[in-house]
PDB file of N, CA and C in Angstrom:
ATOM      1  N   MET A   1       0.848  -1.152   0.034  1.00  0.00           N
ATOM      2  CA  MET A   1      -0.002   0.047   0.006  1.00  0.00           C
ATOM      3  C   MET A   1       0.859   1.311  -0.060  1.00  0.00           C
ATOM      4  N   ASN A   2       0.327   2.216  -0.641  1.00  0.00           N
ATOM      5  CA  ASN A   2       1.094   3.642  -0.671  1.00  0.00           C
ATOM      6  C   ASN A   2       0.508   4.495   0.338  1.00  0.00           C
ATOM      7  N   LYS A   3       1.483   5.334   0.679  1.00  0.00           N
ATOM      8  CA  LYS A   3       1.000   6.450   1.841  1.00  0.00           C
ATOM      9  C   LYS A   3       0.716   7.807   1.079  1.00  0.00           C
ATOM     10  N   PHE A   4      -0.262   8.245   1.556  1.00  0.00           N
ATOM     11  CA  PHE A   4      -0.762   9.634   0.900  1.00  0.00           C
ATOM     12  C   PHE A   4      -1.204  10.540   2.065  1.00  0.00           C
ATOM     13  N   GLU A   5      -0.936  11.867   1.669  1.00  0.00           N
ATOM     14  CA  GLU A   5      -1.505  12.830   2.658  1.00  0.00           C
ATOM     15  C   GLU A   5      -2.435  13.619   1.647  1.00  0.00           C
ATOM     16  N   LEU A   6      -3.622  14.040   2.318  1.00  0.00           N
ATOM     17  CA  LEU A   6      -4.800  14.499   1.554  1.00  0.00           C
ATOM     18  C   LEU A   6      -5.084  15.890   2.272  1.00  0.00           C
ATOM     19  N   VAL A   7      -5.284  16.826   1.493  1.00  0.00           N
ATOM     20  CA  VAL A   7      -5.832  18.159   2.090  1.00  0.00           C
ATOM     21  C   VAL A   7      -7.051  18.361   1.306  1.00  0.00           C
ATOM     22  N   LEU A   8      -8.144  18.810   1.997  1.00  0.00           N
ATOM     23  CA  LEU A   8      -9.404  19.066   1.548  1.00  0.00           C
ATOM     24  C   LEU A   8      -9.949  20.428   1.844  1.00  0.00           C
ATOM     25  N   LEU A   9     -10.485  21.158   0.947  1.00  0.00           N
ATOM     26  CA  LEU A   9     -11.071  22.584   1.244  1.00  0.00           C
ATOM     27  C   LEU A   9     -12.556  22.469   1.048  1.00  0.00           C
ATOM     28  N   PHE A  10     -13.215  22.562   2.087  1.00  0.00           N
ATOM     29  CA  PHE A  10     -14.614  22.505   2.046  1.00  0.00           C
ATOM     30  C   PHE A  10     -15.258  23.915   1.946  1.00  0.00           C
ATOM     31  N   SER A  11     -16.401  24.042   1.278  1.00  0.00           N
ATOM     32  CA  SER A  11     -17.013  25.282   1.143  1.00  0.00           C
ATOM     33  C   SER A  11     -17.309  26.025   2.538  1.00  0.00           C
ATOM     34  N   PRO A  12     -17.038  27.292   2.585  1.00  0.00           N
ATOM     35  CA  PRO A  12     -17.408  27.938   3.945  1.00  0.00           C
ATOM     36  C   PRO A  12     -18.923  28.116   4.118  1.00  0.00           C
ATOM     37  N   ASP A  13     -19.745  27.841   3.076  1.00  0.00           N
ATOM     38  CA  ASP A  13     -21.280  27.950   3.317  1.00  0.00           C
ATOM     39  C   ASP A  13     -21.799  26.713   4.084  1.00  0.00           C
ATOM     40  N   LEU A  14     -21.016  25.656   4.212  1.00  0.00           N
ATOM     41  CA  LEU A  14     -21.432  24.549   4.998  1.00  0.00           C
ATOM     42  C   LEU A  14     -21.380  24.834   6.524  1.00  0.00           C
ATOM     43  N   SER A  15     -22.493  24.187   7.213  1.00  0.00           N
ATOM     44  CA  SER A  15     -22.350  24.112   8.643  1.00  0.00           C
ATOM     45  C   SER A  15     -21.416  23.158   9.097  1.00  0.00           C
ATOM     46  N   THR A  16     -20.941  23.241  10.409  1.00  0.00           N
ATOM     47  CA  THR A  16     -19.883  22.113  10.968  1.00  0.00           C
ATOM     48  C   THR A  16     -20.684  20.843  10.830  1.00  0.00           C
ATOM     49  N   VAL A  17     -21.971  20.642  11.089  1.00  0.00           N
ATOM     50  CA  VAL A  17     -22.582  19.321  10.966  1.00  0.00           C
ATOM     51  C   VAL A  17     -22.457  18.761   9.472  1.00  0.00           C
ATOM     52  N   MET A  18     -22.573  19.680   8.544  1.00  0.00           N
ATOM     53  CA  MET A  18     -22.609  19.106   7.054  1.00  0.00           C
ATOM     54  C   MET A  18     -21.068  18.707   6.696  1.00  0.00           C
ATOM     55  N   VAL A  19     -20.201  19.569   7.225  1.00  0.00           N
ATOM     56  CA  VAL A  19     -18.731  19.089   7.054  1.00  0.00           C
ATOM     57  C   VAL A  19     -18.507  17.877   7.607  1.00  0.00           C
ATOM     58  N   GLU A  20     -18.938  17.606   8.805  1.00  0.00           N
ATOM     59  CA  GLU A  20     -18.649  16.344   9.433  1.00  0.00           C
ATOM     60  C   GLU A  20     -19.350  15.140   8.691  1.00  0.00           C
ATOM     61  N   LYS A  21     -20.582  15.420   8.057  1.00  0.00           N
ATOM     62  CA  LYS A  21     -21.195  14.346   7.332  1.00  0.00           C
ATOM     63  C   LYS A  21     -20.308  14.182   6.011  1.00  0.00           C
ATOM     64  N   GLU A  22     -19.859  15.060   5.447  1.00  0.00           N
ATOM     65  CA  GLU A  22     -18.946  14.892   4.310  1.00  0.00           C
ATOM     66  C   GLU A  22     -17.735  14.153   4.738  1.00  0.00           C
ATOM     67  N   GLU A  23     -17.154  14.460   5.955  1.00  0.00           N
ATOM     68  CA  GLU A  23     -16.020  13.723   6.323  1.00  0.00           C
ATOM     69  C   GLU A  23     -16.294  12.241   6.539  1.00  0.00           C
ATOM     70  N   ASP A  24     -17.489  11.933   7.202  1.00  0.00           N
ATOM     71  CA  ASP A  24     -17.852  10.621   7.393  1.00  0.00           C
ATOM     72  C   ASP A  24     -18.017   9.911   6.140  1.00  0.00           C
ATOM     73  N   SER A  25     -18.615  10.523   5.179  1.00  0.00           N
ATOM     74  CA  SER A  25     -18.774   9.957   3.722  1.00  0.00           C
ATOM     75  C   SER A  25     -17.481   9.642   3.158  1.00  0.00           C
ATOM     76  N   LEU A  26     -16.480  10.543   3.263  1.00  0.00           N
ATOM     77  CA  LEU A  26     -15.154  10.238   2.743  1.00  0.00           C
ATOM     78  C   LEU A  26     -14.433   9.150   3.474  1.00  0.00           C
ATOM     79  N   ASP A  27     -14.565   9.185   4.803  1.00  0.00           N
ATOM     80  CA  ASP A  27     -14.103   7.935   5.580  1.00  0.00           C
ATOM     81  C   ASP A  27     -14.648   6.585   5.130  1.00  0.00           C
ATOM     82  N   LYS A  28     -15.808   6.463   4.828  1.00  0.00           N
ATOM     83  CA  LYS A  28     -16.390   5.388   4.380  1.00  0.00           C
ATOM     84  C   LYS A  28     -15.969   4.949   2.994  1.00  0.00           C
ATOM     85  N   ASN A  29     -15.829   6.044   2.248  1.00  0.00           N
ATOM     86  CA  ASN A  29     -15.244   5.728   0.741  1.00  0.00           C
ATOM     87  C   ASN A  29     -13.790   5.164   0.801  1.00  0.00           C
ATOM     88  N   ILE A  30     -13.096   5.612   1.750  1.00  0.00           N
ATOM     89  CA  ILE A  30     -11.576   5.312   1.938  1.00  0.00           C
ATOM     90  C   ILE A  30     -11.661   3.745   2.475  1.00  0.00           C
ATOM     91  N   THR A  31     -12.437   3.412   3.336  1.00  0.00           N
ATOM     92  CA  THR A  31     -12.342   1.990   3.884  1.00  0.00           C
ATOM     93  C   THR A  31     -12.993   1.173   2.938  1.00  0.00           C
ATOM     94  N   LYS A  32     -14.064   1.576   2.174  1.00  0.00           N
ATOM     95  CA  LYS A  32     -14.672   0.781   0.956  1.00  0.00           C
ATOM     96  C   LYS A  32     -13.650   0.404  -0.089  1.00  0.00           C
ATOM     97  N   SER A  33     -12.607   1.345  -0.279  1.00  0.00           N
ATOM     98  CA  SER A  33     -11.673   1.167  -1.123  1.00  0.00           C
ATOM     99  C   SER A  33     -10.364   0.411  -0.695  1.00  0.00           C
ATOM    100  N   LYS A  34     -10.669  -0.317   0.345  1.00  0.00           N
ATOM    101  CA  LYS A  34      -9.621  -1.048   1.090  1.00  0.00           C
ATOM    102  C   LYS A  34      -8.296  -0.091   1.539  1.00  0.00           C
ATOM    103  N   GLY A  35      -8.680   1.126   1.782  1.00  0.00           N
ATOM    104  CA  GLY A  35      -7.822   1.957   2.386  1.00  0.00           C
ATOM    105  C   GLY A  35      -7.844   2.105   3.883  1.00  0.00           C
ATOM    106  N   SER A  36      -6.966   2.776   4.497  1.00  0.00           N
ATOM    107  CA  SER A  36      -7.127   3.008   5.994  1.00  0.00           C
ATOM    108  C   SER A  36      -6.657   4.512   6.233  1.00  0.00           C
ATOM    109  N   ILE A  37      -7.362   5.196   7.158  1.00  0.00           N
ATOM    110  CA  ILE A  37      -7.031   6.423   7.580  1.00  0.00           C
ATOM    111  C   ILE A  37      -6.109   6.317   8.850  1.00  0.00           C
ATOM    112  N   ILE A  38      -4.742   6.910   8.678  1.00  0.00           N
ATOM    113  CA  ILE A  38      -3.825   6.653   9.795  1.00  0.00           C
ATOM    114  C   ILE A  38      -4.258   7.774  10.908  1.00  0.00           C
ATOM    115  N   SER A  39      -4.402   9.033  10.320  1.00  0.00           N
ATOM    116  CA  SER A  39      -4.904  10.053  11.183  1.00  0.00           C
ATOM    117  C   SER A  39      -5.417  11.221  10.294  1.00  0.00           C
ATOM    118  N   LYS A  40      -5.994  12.153  11.042  1.00  0.00           N
ATOM    119  CA  LYS A  40      -6.593  13.364  10.541  1.00  0.00           C
ATOM    120  C   LYS A  40      -6.636  14.502  11.399  1.00  0.00           C
ATOM    121  N   GLU A  41      -6.571  15.734  10.848  1.00  0.00           N
ATOM    122  CA  GLU A  41      -6.625  16.973  11.551  1.00  0.00           C
ATOM    123  C   GLU A  41      -7.662  17.908  10.950  1.00  0.00           C
ATOM    124  N   ASP A  42      -8.209  18.620  11.879  1.00  0.00           N
ATOM    125  CA  ASP A  42      -9.168  19.691  11.401  1.00  0.00           C
ATOM    126  C   ASP A  42      -8.427  21.017  11.593  1.00  0.00           C
ATOM    127  N   TRP A  43      -7.998  21.664  10.465  1.00  0.00           N
ATOM    128  CA  TRP A  43      -7.371  22.911  10.508  1.00  0.00           C
ATOM    129  C   TRP A  43      -8.183  24.144  10.627  1.00  0.00           C
ATOM    130  N   GLY A  44      -9.519  23.949  10.620  1.00  0.00           N
ATOM    131  CA  GLY A  44     -10.525  25.082  10.891  1.00  0.00           C
ATOM    132  C   GLY A  44     -10.721  25.751   9.513  1.00  0.00           C
ATOM    133  N   ILE A  45     -11.307  26.855   9.733  1.00  0.00           N
ATOM    134  CA  ILE A  45     -11.534  27.737   8.614  1.00  0.00           C
ATOM    135  C   ILE A  45     -10.447  28.855   8.453  1.00  0.00           C
ATOM    136  N   LYS A  46      -9.971  28.952   7.285  1.00  0.00           N
ATOM    137  CA  LYS A  46      -8.806  29.705   6.935  1.00  0.00           C
ATOM    138  C   LYS A  46      -8.918  30.515   5.611  1.00  0.00           C
ATOM    139  N   ASP A  47      -8.214  31.471   5.606  1.00  0.00           N
ATOM    140  CA  ASP A  47      -8.252  32.420   4.379  1.00  0.00           C
ATOM    141  C   ASP A  47      -7.670  31.640   3.166  1.00  0.00           C
ATOM    142  N   ILE A  48      -8.113  31.830   2.017  1.00  0.00           N
ATOM    143  CA  ILE A  48      -7.549  31.176   0.775  1.00  0.00           C
ATOM    144  C   ILE A  48      -6.748  32.325   0.082  1.00  0.00           C
ATOM    145  N   SER A  49      -5.552  32.007  -0.501  1.00  0.00           N
ATOM    146  CA  SER A  49      -4.781  33.014  -1.018  1.00  0.00           C
ATOM    147  C   SER A  49      -5.364  33.713  -2.435  1.00  0.00           C
ATOM    148  N   PHE A  50      -6.368  33.046  -3.007  1.00  0.00           N
ATOM    149  CA  PHE A  50      -7.049  33.481  -4.205  1.00  0.00           C
ATOM    150  C   PHE A  50      -8.608  32.842  -4.078  1.00  0.00           C
ATOM    151  N   LYS A  51      -9.463  33.772  -4.707  1.00  0.00           N
ATOM    152  CA  LYS A  51     -10.881  33.225  -4.653  1.00  0.00           C
ATOM    153  C   LYS A  51     -11.030  31.935  -5.470  1.00  0.00           C
ATOM    154  N   ILE A  52     -11.838  31.072  -4.804  1.00  0.00           N
ATOM    155  CA  ILE A  52     -12.303  29.736  -5.453  1.00  0.00           C
ATOM    156  C   ILE A  52     -13.776  29.930  -5.446  1.00  0.00           C
ATOM    157  N   ASN A  53     -14.526  29.884  -6.625  1.00  0.00           N
ATOM    158  CA  ASN A  53     -15.959  29.958  -6.589  1.00  0.00           C
ATOM    159  C   ASN A  53     -16.448  31.132  -5.787  1.00  0.00           C
ATOM    160  N   ASN A  54     -15.802  32.342  -5.864  1.00  0.00           N
ATOM    161  CA  ASN A  54     -16.143  33.481  -5.133  1.00  0.00           C
ATOM    162  C   ASN A  54     -16.020  33.399  -3.574  1.00  0.00           C
ATOM    163  N   PHE A  55     -15.392  32.297  -3.055  1.00  0.00           N
ATOM    164  CA  PHE A  55     -15.134  32.253  -1.739  1.00  0.00           C
ATOM    165  C   PHE A  55     -13.657  32.652  -1.273  1.00  0.00           C
ATOM    166  N   LYS A  56     -13.565  33.395  -0.188  1.00  0.00           N
ATOM    167  CA  LYS A  56     -12.267  33.805   0.176  1.00  0.00           C
ATOM    168  C   LYS A  56     -11.784  33.043   1.351  1.00  0.00           C
ATOM    169  N   LYS A  57     -12.665  32.019   1.950  1.00  0.00           N
ATOM    170  CA  LYS A  57     -12.265  31.174   3.063  1.00  0.00           C
ATOM    171  C   LYS A  57     -12.803  29.798   2.752  1.00  0.00           C
ATOM    172  N   ALA A  58     -12.093  28.905   3.553  1.00  0.00           N
ATOM    173  CA  ALA A  58     -12.559  27.407   3.362  1.00  0.00           C
ATOM    174  C   ALA A  58     -12.304  26.702   4.752  1.00  0.00           C
ATOM    175  N   PHE A  59     -13.042  25.587   4.885  1.00  0.00           N
ATOM    176  CA  PHE A  59     -12.682  24.652   5.951  1.00  0.00           C
ATOM    177  C   PHE A  59     -11.593  23.876   5.366  1.00  0.00           C
ATOM    178  N   TYR A  60     -10.515  23.690   6.224  1.00  0.00           N
ATOM    179  CA  TYR A  60      -9.357  22.853   5.791  1.00  0.00           C
ATOM    180  C   TYR A  60      -9.474  21.573   6.662  1.00  0.00           C
ATOM    181  N   LYS A  61      -9.169  20.452   5.927  1.00  0.00           N
ATOM    182  CA  LYS A  61      -9.067  19.184   6.550  1.00  0.00           C
ATOM    183  C   LYS A  61      -7.867  18.485   6.083  1.00  0.00           C
ATOM    184  N   PHE A  62      -7.072  17.677   6.972  1.00  0.00           N
ATOM    185  CA  PHE A  62      -5.865  17.052   6.603  1.00  0.00           C
ATOM    186  C   PHE A  62      -5.982  15.615   6.941  1.00  0.00           C
ATOM    187  N   TYR A  63      -5.637  14.573   5.952  1.00  0.00           N
ATOM    188  CA  TYR A  63      -5.692  13.263   6.214  1.00  0.00           C
ATOM    189  C   TYR A  63      -4.408  12.602   5.939  1.00  0.00           C
ATOM    190  N   GLN A  64      -4.034  11.509   6.671  1.00  0.00           N
ATOM    191  CA  GLN A  64      -2.895  10.765   6.322  1.00  0.00           C
ATOM    192  C   GLN A  64      -3.434   9.428   6.090  1.00  0.00           C
ATOM    193  N   ILE A  65      -3.372   8.873   4.951  1.00  0.00           N
ATOM    194  CA  ILE A  65      -4.035   7.663   4.441  1.00  0.00           C
ATOM    195  C   ILE A  65      -3.140   6.654   3.820  1.00  0.00           C
ATOM    196  N   GLU A  66      -3.401   5.456   3.838  1.00  0.00           N
ATOM    197  CA  GLU A  66      -2.773   4.360   3.122  1.00  0.00           C
ATOM    198  C   GLU A  66      -3.778   3.596   2.268  1.00  0.00           C
ATOM    199  N   MET A  67      -3.517   3.571   0.952  1.00  0.00           N
ATOM    200  CA  MET A  67      -4.367   2.850   0.037  1.00  0.00           C
ATOM    201  C   MET A  67      -3.571   2.620  -1.272  1.00  0.00           C
ATOM    202  N   TYR A  68      -4.110   1.795  -2.053  1.00  0.00           N
ATOM    203  CA  TYR A  68      -3.525   1.510  -3.457  1.00  0.00           C
ATOM    204  C   TYR A  68      -3.720   2.609  -4.341  1.00  0.00           C
ATOM    205  N   GLY A  69      -2.655   2.958  -5.173  1.00  0.00           N
ATOM    206  CA  GLY A  69      -2.778   4.082  -6.090  1.00  0.00           C
ATOM    207  C   GLY A  69      -3.911   4.040  -7.113  1.00  0.00           C
ATOM    208  N   GLN A  70      -4.426   2.864  -7.595  1.00  0.00           N
ATOM    209  CA  GLN A  70      -5.531   2.729  -8.292  1.00  0.00           C
ATOM    210  C   GLN A  70      -6.863   3.310  -7.721  1.00  0.00           C
ATOM    211  N   GLU A  71      -6.986   2.961  -6.397  1.00  0.00           N
ATOM    212  CA  GLU A  71      -8.191   3.372  -5.605  1.00  0.00           C
ATOM    213  C   GLU A  71      -8.103   4.866  -5.472  1.00  0.00           C
ATOM    214  N   VAL A  72      -6.882   5.463  -5.466  1.00  0.00           N
ATOM    215  CA  VAL A  72      -6.976   6.970  -5.338  1.00  0.00           C
ATOM    216  C   VAL A  72      -7.618   7.704  -6.430  1.00  0.00           C
ATOM    217  N   ASP A  73      -7.358   7.093  -7.703  1.00  0.00           N
ATOM    218  CA  ASP A  73      -7.842   7.685  -8.918  1.00  0.00           C
ATOM    219  C   ASP A  73      -9.458   7.899  -8.826  1.00  0.00           C
ATOM    220  N   SER A  74     -10.013   6.703  -8.207  1.00  0.00           N
ATOM    221  CA  SER A  74     -11.637   6.643  -8.182  1.00  0.00           C
ATOM    222  C   SER A  74     -12.021   7.569  -7.106  1.00  0.00           C
ATOM    223  N   LEU A  75     -11.257   7.630  -6.033  1.00  0.00           N
ATOM    224  CA  LEU A  75     -11.503   8.583  -4.914  1.00  0.00           C
ATOM    225  C   LEU A  75     -11.383   9.955  -5.413  1.00  0.00           C
ATOM    226  N   LYS A  76     -10.371  10.350  -6.232  1.00  0.00           N
ATOM    227  CA  LYS A  76     -10.168  11.726  -6.667  1.00  0.00           C
ATOM    228  C   LYS A  76     -11.508  12.142  -7.506  1.00  0.00           C
ATOM    229  N   LYS A  77     -12.035  11.157  -8.453  1.00  0.00           N
ATOM    230  CA  LYS A  77     -13.091  11.367  -9.301  1.00  0.00           C
ATOM    231  C   LYS A  77     -14.326  11.824  -8.403  1.00  0.00           C
ATOM    232  N   GLY A  78     -14.522  11.104  -7.289  1.00  0.00           N
ATOM    233  CA  GLY A  78     -15.630  11.425  -6.480  1.00  0.00           C
ATOM    234  C   GLY A  78     -15.508  12.757  -5.801  1.00  0.00           C
ATOM    235  N   LEU A  79     -14.207  13.212  -5.301  1.00  0.00           N
ATOM    236  CA  LEU A  79     -14.039  14.452  -4.786  1.00  0.00           C
ATOM    237  C   LEU A  79     -14.269  15.639  -5.700  1.00  0.00           C
ATOM    238  N   THR A  80     -13.853  15.364  -7.106  1.00  0.00           N
ATOM    239  CA  THR A  80     -13.962  16.367  -8.021  1.00  0.00           C
ATOM    240  C   THR A  80     -15.357  16.704  -8.276  1.00  0.00           C
ATOM    241  N   GLN A  81     -16.178  15.644  -8.242  1.00  0.00           N
ATOM    242  CA  GLN A  81     -17.612  15.819  -8.524  1.00  0.00           C
ATOM    243  C   GLN A  81     -18.552  16.312  -7.336  1.00  0.00           C
ATOM    244  N   ASN A  82     -17.828  16.350  -6.201  1.00  0.00           N
ATOM    245  CA  ASN A  82     -18.569  16.892  -5.075  1.00  0.00           C
ATOM    246  C   ASN A  82     -18.557  18.364  -4.977  1.00  0.00           C
ATOM    247  N   GLU A  83     -19.749  18.990  -5.060  1.00  0.00           N
ATOM    248  CA  GLU A  83     -19.759  20.444  -5.222  1.00  0.00           C
ATOM    249  C   GLU A  83     -19.444  21.143  -3.785  1.00  0.00           C
ATOM    250  N   LYS A  84     -19.481  20.351  -2.756  1.00  0.00           N
ATOM    251  CA  LYS A  84     -19.112  20.944  -1.334  1.00  0.00           C
ATOM    252  C   LYS A  84     -17.657  21.058  -1.180  1.00  0.00           C
ATOM    253  N   ILE A  85     -16.901  20.392  -1.993  1.00  0.00           N
ATOM    254  CA  ILE A  85     -15.438  20.362  -1.833  1.00  0.00           C
ATOM    255  C   ILE A  85     -14.968  21.372  -2.730  1.00  0.00           C
ATOM    256  N   LEU A  86     -14.209  22.389  -2.437  1.00  0.00           N
ATOM    257  CA  LEU A  86     -13.661  23.444  -3.367  1.00  0.00           C
ATOM    258  C   LEU A  86     -12.367  22.928  -4.111  1.00  0.00           C
ATOM    259  N   ARG A  87     -11.601  22.269  -3.255  1.00  0.00           N
ATOM    260  CA  ARG A  87     -10.201  21.785  -3.854  1.00  0.00           C
ATOM    261  C   ARG A  87      -9.794  20.506  -3.026  1.00  0.00           C
ATOM    262  N   HIS A  88      -9.011  19.748  -3.736  1.00  0.00           N
ATOM    263  CA  HIS A  88      -8.393  18.613  -2.915  1.00  0.00           C
ATOM    264  C   HIS A  88      -7.002  18.317  -3.461  1.00  0.00           C
ATOM    265  N   LEU A  89      -6.072  17.754  -2.638  1.00  0.00           N
ATOM    266  CA  LEU A  89      -4.760  17.485  -3.093  1.00  0.00           C
ATOM    267  C   LEU A  89      -4.340  16.300  -2.453  1.00  0.00           C
ATOM    268  N   PHE A  90      -3.988  15.333  -3.256  1.00  0.00           N
ATOM    269  CA  PHE A  90      -3.277  14.121  -2.722  1.00  0.00           C
ATOM    270  C   PHE A  90      -1.813  14.253  -2.994  1.00  0.00           C
ATOM    271  N   ILE A  91      -0.909  13.934  -1.984  1.00  0.00           N
ATOM    272  CA  ILE A  91       0.487  13.917  -2.113  1.00  0.00           C
ATOM    273  C   ILE A  91       0.970  12.429  -1.528  1.00  0.00           C
ATOM    274  N   LYS A  92       1.740  11.873  -2.498  1.00  0.00           N
ATOM    275  CA  LYS A  92       2.255  10.536  -2.157  1.00  0.00           C
ATOM    276  C   LYS A  92       3.506  10.938  -1.374  1.00  0.00           C
ATOM    277  N   VAL A  93       3.683  10.147  -0.166  1.00  0.00           N
ATOM    278  CA  VAL A  93       4.849  10.336   0.598  1.00  0.00           C
ATOM    279  C   VAL A  93       5.508   8.983   1.062  1.00  0.00           C
ATOM    280  N   ASP A  94       6.738   9.005   1.396  1.00  0.00           N
ATOM    281  CA  ASP A  94       7.312   7.845   1.691  1.00  0.00           C
ATOM    282  C   ASP A  94       7.032   7.512   3.170  1.00  0.00           C
ATOM    283  N   ASN A  95       6.944   8.521   4.037  1.00  0.00           N
ATOM    284  CA  ASN A  95       6.637   8.235   5.449  1.00  0.00           C
ATOM    285  C   ASN A  95       5.662   9.484   5.825  1.00  0.00           C
ATOM    286  N   HIS A  96       4.751   9.190   6.755  1.00  0.00           N
ATOM    287  CA  HIS A  96       3.868  10.293   7.179  1.00  0.00           C
ATOM    288  C   HIS A  96       4.617  11.035   8.152  1.00  0.00           C
ATOM    289  N   GLN A  97       4.319  12.382   8.164  1.00  0.00           N
ATOM    290  CA  GLN A  97       5.051  13.333   8.964  1.00  0.00           C
ATOM    291  C   GLN A  97       4.418  13.142  10.415  1.00  0.00           C
ATOM    292  N   GLN A  98       5.221  13.483  11.450  1.00  0.00           N
ATOM    293  CA  GLN A  98       4.705  13.467  12.913  1.00  0.00           C
ATOM    294  C   GLN A  98       3.584  14.527  13.047  1.00  0.00           C
ATOM    295  N   LEU A  99       2.672  14.044  13.772  1.00  0.00           N
ATOM    296  CA  LEU A  99       1.524  15.019  14.059  1.00  0.00           C
ATOM    297  C   LEU A  99       1.657  15.581  15.519  1.00  0.00           C
ATOM    298  N   PRO A 100       1.321  16.749  15.824  1.00  0.00           N
ATOM    299  CA  PRO A 100       0.551  17.640  14.951  1.00  0.00           C
ATOM    300  C   PRO A 100       1.323  18.345  13.940  1.00  0.00           C
ATOM    301  N   THR A 101       0.778  18.672  12.842  1.00  0.00           N
ATOM    302  CA  THR A 101       1.523  19.349  11.773  1.00  0.00           C
ATOM    303  C   THR A 101       1.753  20.765  12.129  1.00  0.00           C
ATOM    304  N   LYS A 102       2.546  21.427  11.221  1.00  0.00           N
ATOM    305  CA  LYS A 102       2.936  22.877  11.435  1.00  0.00           C
ATOM    306  C   LYS A 102       1.675  23.746  11.401  1.00  0.00           C
ATOM    307  N   MET A 103       0.642  23.458  10.531  1.00  0.00           N
ATOM    308  CA  MET A 103      -0.545  24.194  10.650  1.00  0.00           C
ATOM    309  C   MET A 103      -1.371  24.223  11.903  1.00  0.00           C
ATOM    310  N   MET A 104      -1.349  23.055  12.548  1.00  0.00           N
ATOM    311  CA  MET A 104      -1.899  22.923  13.915  1.00  0.00           C
ATOM    312  C   MET A 104      -1.040  23.698  15.000  1.00  0.00           C
ATOM    313  N   ASN A 105       0.213  23.674  14.837  1.00  0.00           N
ATOM    314  CA  ASN A 105       1.177  24.245  15.747  1.00  0.00           C
ATOM    315  C   ASN A 105       0.910  25.891  15.573  1.00  0.00           C
ATOM    316  N   ASP A 106       0.788  26.257  14.409  1.00  0.00           N
ATOM    317  CA  ASP A 106       0.558  27.771  14.242  1.00  0.00           C
ATOM    318  C   ASP A 106      -0.719  28.246  14.797  1.00  0.00           C
ATOM    319  N   GLU A 107      -1.776  27.429  14.742  1.00  0.00           N
ATOM    320  CA  GLU A 107      -2.978  27.731  15.473  1.00  0.00           C
ATOM    321  C   GLU A 107      -2.971  27.834  16.868  1.00  0.00           C
ATOM    322  N   GLU A 108      -2.216  27.046  17.538  1.00  0.00           N
ATOM    323  CA  GLU A 108      -1.974  27.011  18.973  1.00  0.00           C
ATOM    324  C   GLU A 108      -1.322  28.211  19.463  1.00  0.00           C
ATOM    325  N   LYS A 109      -0.566  28.997  18.581  1.00  0.00           N
ATOM    326  CA  LYS A 109       0.194  30.098  19.178  1.00  0.00           C
ATOM    327  C   LYS A 109      -0.676  31.300  19.222  1.00  0.00           C
TER     328      LYS A 109
END
């Protein structure tokens, strides 16, 4: 299995309950694809450096997952079609970084 880090940007129009439902749906899709979630972080609502669909902010979520590369492609397709997700980014890594991430550390300051 390959190791990936995933960053999701959810629409700021969503309530926190709706964001959690979308996260649960993603979690189910990952496990259904024979993948596993190593860890995840909620980075909260943050400014975006440029407008996406006329939004200046987004809910940021960070995942560390393990799954096969072929399954990532089908997961990407589903994320792209989801209107509640503004952007997503998968990065293949050799090893997952130690948590909490720098984004979480910056929030605590």
